[in-house]
């Protein structure tokens, strides 16, 4: 038996002070987009914005549905839209925000993590992840792998025995 450990590193900001202007602008855009979330059941609004390699920004908000789990999370709405509009462009970063303040930022659900890692692996370039919830601290990760270290890789399905 061998005991192993895993260390996850990220940067934590106490506030938006000290953020570069481009990142601050993306966070502000994501927060301003919270009003477009469709969350009549939970009232838990989430907004996401993808920054593409071509400089374009693509937004997504959570879209609930009375027939749970038919809705979609903001992250998946943004990523699917981004890759539909710009299939040949890499996603450089994704900002995810919520209205509710929490002790720490709300992070993506398991399904969203899997979708995000799928695109990161496909583009062979990390996607920077920034999380902010209301007045919470801001967490910045260099890669989706940081929040899903043992990701399922679809390439496994394609391997022939």
Protein backbone atom coordinates (compact mmCIF):
# COMPACT_ATOMS: atom_id res chain seq x y z
CA UNK A 1 0.00 0.00 0.00
CA UNK A 2 1.18 3.52 -0.83
CA UNK A 3 -0.36 6.59 0.68
CA UNK A 4 -0.63 9.46 -1.77
CA UNK A 5 -1.88 13.03 -1.50
CA UNK A 6 -3.11 15.69 -3.83
CA UNK A 7 -2.59 19.42 -3.45
CA UNK A 8 -4.78 21.99 -5.16
CA UNK A 9 -3.50 25.52 -5.58
CA UNK A 10 -5.48 28.64 -6.35
CA UNK A 11 -5.23 32.36 -5.77
CA UNK A 12 -7.64 33.98 -3.32
CA UNK A 13 -8.46 37.68 -3.50
CA UNK A 14 -10.19 39.36 -0.54
CA UNK A 15 -11.86 41.82 -2.91
CA UNK A 16 -11.69 43.09 -6.46
CA UNK A 17 -8.85 45.41 -5.43
CA UNK A 18 -5.68 44.33 -7.16
CA UNK A 19 -7.37 42.49 -10.03
CA UNK A 20 -6.20 43.41 -13.50
CA UNK A 21 -8.68 45.58 -15.37
CA UNK A 22 -9.60 42.86 -17.92
CA UNK A 23 -10.53 40.37 -15.21
CA UNK A 24 -12.42 42.99 -13.23
CA UNK A 25 -14.36 43.88 -16.39
CA UNK A 26 -15.28 40.21 -16.97
CA UNK A 27 -16.46 39.83 -13.37
CA UNK A 28 -18.55 43.00 -13.66
CA UNK A 29 -20.07 41.79 -16.94
CA UNK A 30 -20.94 38.43 -15.38
CA UNK A 31 -22.51 40.13 -12.35
CA UNK A 32 -24.50 42.51 -14.55
CA UNK A 33 -25.78 39.50 -16.49
CA UNK A 34 -27.27 37.86 -13.36
CA UNK A 35 -30.55 39.63 -14.13
CA UNK A 36 -30.95 37.35 -17.16
CA UNK A 37 -30.95 34.14 -15.13
CA UNK A 38 -34.19 32.17 -15.20
CA UNK A 39 -34.49 30.81 -11.66
CA UNK A 40 -38.18 31.04 -10.69
CA UNK A 41 -38.02 27.95 -8.45
CA UNK A 42 -34.80 28.36 -6.47
CA UNK A 43 -34.20 32.09 -6.98
CA UNK A 44 -30.52 31.07 -7.04
CA UNK A 45 -29.19 33.12 -9.96
CA UNK A 46 -25.90 32.22 -11.61
CA UNK A 47 -24.11 33.97 -14.45
CA UNK A 48 -21.10 32.92 -16.44
CA UNK A 49 -18.96 34.52 -19.11
CA UNK A 50 -16.41 32.84 -21.38
CA UNK A 51 -13.51 34.86 -22.75
CA UNK A 52 -12.53 33.42 -26.12
CA UNK A 53 -9.11 33.49 -27.79
CA UNK A 54 -10.52 35.85 -30.43
CA UNK A 55 -11.46 38.35 -27.70
CA UNK A 56 -15.21 37.66 -27.83
CA UNK A 57 -17.18 37.22 -24.63
CA UNK A 58 -20.05 34.75 -24.47
CA UNK A 59 -22.57 34.81 -21.64
CA UNK A 60 -24.69 32.18 -19.98
CA UNK A 61 -27.12 32.11 -17.08
CA UNK A 62 -28.79 29.24 -15.32
CA UNK A 63 -32.08 28.20 -16.90
CA UNK A 64 -34.34 26.30 -14.52
CA UNK A 65 -37.24 24.11 -15.51
CA UNK A 66 -40.14 22.87 -13.42
CA UNK A 67 -39.37 19.35 -14.63
CA UNK A 68 -36.10 18.97 -12.74
CA UNK A 69 -33.39 18.25 -13.94
CA UNK A 70 -34.31 19.61 -17.37
CA UNK A 71 -32.69 23.00 -16.75
CA UNK A 72 -29.09 23.95 -17.41
CA UNK A 73 -26.42 25.60 -15.31
CA UNK A 74 -24.91 28.93 -16.37
CA UNK A 75 -21.52 27.38 -17.07
CA UNK A 76 -22.88 24.87 -19.55
CA UNK A 77 -25.09 27.48 -21.24
CA UNK A 78 -22.04 29.74 -21.74
CA UNK A 79 -19.64 27.01 -22.85
CA UNK A 80 -22.07 25.32 -25.23
CA UNK A 81 -22.97 28.68 -26.74
CA UNK A 82 -19.31 29.70 -27.04
CA UNK A 83 -18.28 26.51 -28.79
CA UNK A 84 -21.36 26.62 -31.03
CA UNK A 85 -20.55 30.14 -32.16
CA UNK A 86 -16.75 29.78 -32.29
CA UNK A 87 -15.90 26.07 -32.61
CA UNK A 88 -12.31 26.76 -33.65
CA UNK A 89 -11.57 29.25 -30.87
CA UNK A 90 -10.18 28.26 -27.49
CA UNK A 91 -11.87 29.31 -24.28
CA UNK A 92 -9.22 31.23 -22.35
CA UNK A 93 -11.15 31.79 -19.14
CA UNK A 94 -14.55 31.44 -17.59
CA UNK A 95 -15.97 33.61 -14.81
CA UNK A 96 -18.83 32.24 -12.70
CA UNK A 97 -20.79 34.50 -10.35
CA UNK A 98 -23.81 34.25 -8.07
CA UNK A 99 -25.86 36.90 -6.29
CA UNK A 100 -25.75 35.21 -2.92
CA UNK A 101 -22.81 35.96 -0.68
CA UNK A 102 -21.27 32.86 0.86
CA UNK A 103 -18.26 32.12 3.03
CA UNK A 104 -16.46 31.14 -0.16
CA UNK A 105 -17.43 31.27 -3.83
CA UNK A 106 -19.89 28.71 -5.15
CA UNK A 107 -18.13 26.26 -7.45
CA UNK A 108 -19.42 24.34 -10.48
CA UNK A 109 -21.47 21.18 -10.01
CA UNK A 110 -20.05 17.85 -11.11
CA UNK A 111 -21.79 17.89 -14.50
CA UNK A 112 -20.40 21.34 -15.28
CA UNK A 113 -16.91 20.32 -14.19
CA UNK A 114 -17.04 17.39 -16.60
CA UNK A 115 -18.20 19.60 -19.48
CA UNK A 116 -15.50 22.17 -18.73
CA UNK A 117 -12.73 19.57 -18.59
CA UNK A 118 -13.94 18.04 -21.86
CA UNK A 119 -13.32 21.33 -23.67
CA UNK A 120 -10.06 22.01 -21.85
CA UNK A 121 -8.69 18.62 -22.89
CA UNK A 122 -9.97 19.02 -26.46
CA UNK A 123 -8.33 22.41 -26.90
CA UNK A 124 -5.08 21.25 -25.24
CA UNK A 125 -4.88 24.53 -23.34
CA UNK A 126 -5.94 25.31 -19.78
CA UNK A 127 -9.12 27.25 -19.13
CA UNK A 128 -8.64 29.71 -16.30
CA UNK A 129 -11.54 29.60 -13.83
CA UNK A 130 -12.64 32.56 -11.69
CA UNK A 131 -15.34 32.18 -9.04
CA UNK A 132 -17.16 34.94 -7.12
CA UNK A 133 -20.36 34.84 -5.09
CA UNK A 134 -21.84 38.17 -4.05
CA UNK A 135 -19.34 39.81 -1.70
CA UNK A 136 -17.32 36.64 -1.19
CA UNK A 137 -13.64 36.33 -1.78
CA UNK A 138 -12.60 35.62 -5.35
CA UNK A 139 -10.94 32.34 -6.25
CA UNK A 140 -8.83 31.98 -9.39
CA UNK A 141 -7.71 28.60 -10.70
CA UNK A 142 -5.18 28.12 -13.52
CA UNK A 143 -7.01 25.13 -14.98
CA UNK A 144 -10.22 23.14 -14.74
CA UNK A 145 -7.99 20.20 -13.74
CA UNK A 146 -7.53 22.02 -10.43
CA UNK A 147 -11.17 21.40 -9.51
CA UNK A 148 -11.50 18.01 -11.20
CA UNK A 149 -8.14 16.28 -10.75
CA UNK A 150 -9.36 12.76 -11.54
CA UNK A 151 -11.47 13.67 -14.56
CA UNK A 152 -13.07 11.11 -16.80
CA UNK A 153 -11.45 11.48 -20.19
CA UNK A 154 -13.63 10.58 -23.16
CA UNK A 155 -10.50 9.42 -24.97
CA UNK A 156 -10.69 6.29 -22.81
CA UNK A 157 -13.88 5.31 -24.64
CA UNK A 158 -12.13 5.60 -27.99
CA UNK A 159 -9.21 3.32 -27.07
CA UNK A 160 -9.39 -0.11 -28.65
CA UNK A 161 -8.24 -3.07 -26.59
